[in-house]
């Protein structure tokens, strides 16, 4: 049987992980927009930037949860 304290702990960590992953993804996106002109990037570099933004999000969820 599941413990209520364990469920609260998992729920809080998951919510925190999602919030922090969203903030980290936004931060990477913002730094990319500020530091480089994405209008003149090649398609390969653009996809690499998008993959790094998604990777930061997934890493944040994995680390917290």
C-alpha atoms as a PDB file:
ATOM      1  CA  UNK A   1       0.000   0.000   0.000  1.00  0.00           C
ATOM      2  CA  UNK A   2       1.250   3.481  -0.854  1.00  0.00           C
ATOM      3  CA  UNK A   3       2.190   5.848   1.856  1.00  0.00           C
ATOM      4  CA  UNK A   4       0.523   9.293   1.725  1.00  0.00           C
ATOM      5  CA  UNK A   5       3.788  10.983   2.668  1.00  0.00           C
ATOM      6  CA  UNK A   6       5.500   9.303  -0.286  1.00  0.00           C
ATOM      7  CA  UNK A   7       2.758  10.466  -2.668  1.00  0.00           C
ATOM      8  CA  UNK A   8       3.056  14.040  -1.418  1.00  0.00           C
ATOM      9  CA  UNK A   9       6.827  13.904  -1.820  1.00  0.00           C
ATOM     10  CA  UNK A  10       6.601  12.555  -5.368  1.00  0.00           C
ATOM     11  CA  UNK A  11       3.940  15.081  -6.346  1.00  0.00           C
ATOM     12  CA  UNK A  12       5.916  18.015  -4.959  1.00  0.00           C
ATOM     13  CA  UNK A  13       9.144  16.914  -6.625  1.00  0.00           C
ATOM     14  CA  UNK A  14       7.388  16.353  -9.945  1.00  0.00           C
ATOM     15  CA  UNK A  15       5.720  19.772  -9.852  1.00  0.00           C
ATOM     16  CA  UNK A  16       9.005  21.434  -8.922  1.00  0.00           C
ATOM     17  CA  UNK A  17      10.801  19.535 -11.675  1.00  0.00           C
ATOM     18  CA  UNK A  18       8.327  20.630 -14.319  1.00  0.00           C
ATOM     19  CA  UNK A  19       8.512  24.262 -13.189  1.00  0.00           C
ATOM     20  CA  UNK A  20      12.313  24.276 -13.082  1.00  0.00           C
ATOM     21  CA  UNK A  21      12.580  22.498 -16.431  1.00  0.00           C
ATOM     22  CA  UNK A  22      10.288  25.092 -17.984  1.00  0.00           C
ATOM     23  CA  UNK A  23      12.346  27.923 -16.489  1.00  0.00           C
ATOM     24  CA  UNK A  24      15.619  26.345 -17.647  1.00  0.00           C
ATOM     25  CA  UNK A  25      14.283  25.811 -21.172  1.00  0.00           C
ATOM     26  CA  UNK A  26      13.126  29.405 -21.336  1.00  0.00           C
ATOM     27  CA  UNK A  27      16.521  30.541 -20.063  1.00  0.00           C
ATOM     28  CA  UNK A  28      18.402  28.592 -22.740  1.00  0.00           C
ATOM     29  CA  UNK A  29      16.007  29.868 -25.403  1.00  0.00           C
ATOM     30  CA  UNK A  30      16.436  33.462 -24.213  1.00  0.00           C
ATOM     31  CA  UNK A  31      20.230  33.198 -24.089  1.00  0.00           C
ATOM     32  CA  UNK A  32      20.213  31.777 -27.605  1.00  0.00           C
ATOM     33  CA  UNK A  33      18.048  34.631 -28.886  1.00  0.00           C
ATOM     34  CA  UNK A  34      20.238  37.239 -27.206  1.00  0.00           C
ATOM     35  CA  UNK A  35      23.631  35.767 -28.077  1.00  0.00           C
ATOM     36  CA  UNK A  36      23.093  34.795 -31.723  1.00  0.00           C
ATOM     37  CA  UNK A  37      21.070  35.976 -34.639  1.00  0.00           C
ATOM     38  CA  UNK A  38      18.905  32.925 -35.354  1.00  0.00           C
ATOM     39  CA  UNK A  39      17.569  34.378 -38.605  1.00  0.00           C
ATOM     40  CA  UNK A  40      20.860  33.654 -40.405  1.00  0.00           C
ATOM     41  CA  UNK A  41      21.648  30.226 -38.943  1.00  0.00           C
ATOM     42  CA  UNK A  42      21.821  27.138 -41.072  1.00  0.00           C
ATOM     43  CA  UNK A  43      19.137  24.526 -40.585  1.00  0.00           C
ATOM     44  CA  UNK A  44      21.565  22.162 -38.828  1.00  0.00           C
ATOM     45  CA  UNK A  45      22.535  24.738 -36.219  1.00  0.00           C
ATOM     46  CA  UNK A  46      18.908  25.734 -35.704  1.00  0.00           C
ATOM     47  CA  UNK A  47      17.930  22.113 -34.973  1.00  0.00           C
ATOM     48  CA  UNK A  48      20.912  21.770 -32.631  1.00  0.00           C
ATOM     49  CA  UNK A  49      19.716  24.802 -30.671  1.00  0.00           C
ATOM     50  CA  UNK A  50      16.177  23.428 -30.502  1.00  0.00           C
ATOM     51  CA  UNK A  51      17.496  20.040 -29.332  1.00  0.00           C
ATOM     52  CA  UNK A  52      19.501  21.710 -26.566  1.00  0.00           C
ATOM     53  CA  UNK A  53      16.401  23.558 -25.372  1.00  0.00           C
ATOM     54  CA  UNK A  54      14.402  20.322 -25.284  1.00  0.00           C
ATOM     55  CA  UNK A  55      17.324  18.502 -23.658  1.00  0.00           C
ATOM     56  CA  UNK A  56      17.527  21.012 -20.822  1.00  0.00           C
ATOM     57  CA  UNK A  57      13.825  20.496 -20.190  1.00  0.00           C
ATOM     58  CA  UNK A  58      14.088  16.715 -20.104  1.00  0.00           C
ATOM     59  CA  UNK A  59      17.199  16.822 -17.921  1.00  0.00           C
ATOM     60  CA  UNK A  60      15.468  19.095 -15.436  1.00  0.00           C
ATOM     61  CA  UNK A  61      12.512  16.762 -15.083  1.00  0.00           C
ATOM     62  CA  UNK A  62      14.780  13.731 -14.737  1.00  0.00           C
ATOM     63  CA  UNK A  63      17.007  15.317 -12.107  1.00  0.00           C
ATOM     64  CA  UNK A  64      14.194  16.556  -9.898  1.00  0.00           C
ATOM     65  CA  UNK A  65      11.873  13.574 -10.221  1.00  0.00           C
END
